[in-house]
Amino acid sequence: MTDTPTPSRISAKDLIALGCAIVTAAFVISGAIRSDGQREQRLQVVESKTERLEQRDETRSDTLAKIDIRTARIETKLEMMTRGVGQ
């Protein structure tokens, strides 16, 4: 009598565990891919908002520079007018 090992079959319990592991891994990988796509989209939105804010800041800076120049001219005229009155 020889002891030959009988081929073992995979039990249903092991098949279910293997299936669950594969499905879980698939969900993890797909979630990572999907979240990376959302991250890319959010990054693009933030970049576009940043560009718009920078453009708005440049326009305001130009406007403020023009106001400063005009204010300086008005102050100069007022000083000239008040000097003429005081003399």
Protein backbone atom coordinates (compact mmCIF):
# COMPACT_ATOMS: atom_id res chain seq x y z
CA MET A 1 0.00 0.00 0.00
CA THR A 2 1.43 3.20 -1.13
CA ASP A 3 0.37 6.47 0.24
CA THR A 4 -0.28 8.55 -2.81
CA PRO A 5 -1.56 12.00 -2.08
CA THR A 6 -4.97 12.62 -3.45
CA PRO A 7 -5.30 15.82 -5.43
CA SER A 8 -6.95 18.39 -3.26
CA ARG A 9 -9.78 20.38 -4.70
CA ILE A 10 -10.31 24.03 -3.98
CA SER A 11 -13.20 24.37 -1.63
CA ALA A 12 -16.07 26.77 -2.21
CA LYS A 13 -14.95 28.77 0.79
CA ASP A 14 -11.51 29.32 -0.75
CA LEU A 15 -13.03 30.28 -4.11
CA ILE A 16 -15.27 32.86 -2.45
CA ALA A 17 -12.32 34.30 -0.51
CA LEU A 18 -10.25 34.50 -3.71
CA GLY A 19 -13.13 36.17 -5.55
CA CYS A 20 -13.58 38.71 -2.77
CA ALA A 21 -9.87 39.51 -2.79
CA ILE A 22 -9.90 40.07 -6.57
CA VAL A 23 -13.01 42.25 -6.44
CA THR A 24 -11.57 44.30 -3.57
CA ALA A 25 -8.32 44.84 -5.44
CA ALA A 26 -10.26 45.91 -8.54
CA PHE A 27 -12.27 48.45 -6.53
CA VAL A 28 -9.14 49.86 -4.90
CA ILE A 29 -7.38 50.27 -8.24
CA SER A 30 -10.41 51.82 -9.95
CA GLY A 31 -10.93 54.18 -7.02
CA ALA A 32 -7.34 55.34 -7.22
CA ILE A 33 -7.64 55.96 -10.94
CA ARG A 34 -10.94 57.80 -10.54
CA SER A 35 -9.71 59.99 -7.70
CA ASP A 36 -6.63 60.90 -9.70
CA GLY A 37 -8.88 62.12 -12.50
CA GLN A 38 -10.90 64.22 -10.04
CA ARG A 39 -7.70 65.62 -8.58
CA GLU A 40 -6.55 66.64 -12.06
CA GLN A 41 -9.87 68.35 -12.72
CA ARG A 42 -9.74 70.24 -9.41
CA LEU A 43 -6.18 71.31 -10.18
CA GLN A 44 -7.28 72.76 -13.52
CA VAL A 45 -10.11 74.68 -11.83
CA VAL A 46 -7.72 76.12 -9.26
CA GLU A 47 -5.24 77.11 -11.99
CA SER A 48 -7.92 78.93 -13.98
CA LYS A 49 -9.14 80.76 -10.87
CA THR A 50 -5.58 81.76 -10.03
CA GLU A 51 -5.03 83.14 -13.53
CA ARG A 52 -8.26 85.17 -13.34
CA LEU A 53 -7.28 86.56 -9.95
CA GLU A 54 -3.84 87.53 -11.23
CA GLN A 55 -5.40 89.33 -14.21
CA ARG A 56 -7.82 91.15 -11.92
CA ASP A 57 -4.94 92.17 -9.65
CA GLU A 58 -2.98 93.55 -12.61
CA THR A 59 -6.00 95.61 -13.73
CA ARG A 60 -6.50 96.98 -10.24
CA SER A 61 -2.82 97.83 -9.95
CA ASP A 62 -2.98 99.74 -13.23
CA THR A 63 -6.09 101.59 -12.09
CA LEU A 64 -4.51 102.47 -8.75
CA ALA A 65 -1.36 103.73 -10.50
CA LYS A 66 -3.49 106.01 -12.70
CA ILE A 67 -5.37 107.29 -9.65
CA ASP A 68 -2.09 108.00 -7.85
CA ILE A 69 -0.77 109.99 -10.82
CA ARG A 70 -3.97 112.00 -11.09
CA THR A 71 -4.04 112.64 -7.34
CA ALA A 72 -0.46 113.90 -7.46
CA ARG A 73 -1.37 116.32 -10.27
CA ILE A 74 -4.39 117.59 -8.36
CA GLU A 75 -2.32 118.08 -5.20
CA THR A 76 0.29 119.99 -7.18
CA LYS A 77 -2.36 122.29 -8.68
CA LEU A 78 -3.87 122.87 -5.23
CA GLU A 79 -0.46 123.77 -3.79
CA MET A 80 0.11 126.21 -6.62
CA MET A 81 -3.30 127.77 -6.10
CA THR A 82 -2.87 128.13 -2.33
CA ARG A 83 0.60 129.66 -2.70
CA GLY A 84 -0.82 132.30 -4.98
CA VAL A 85 -3.50 133.21 -2.45
CA GLY A 86 -1.11 133.40 0.50
CA GLN A 87 1.39 135.74 -1.18
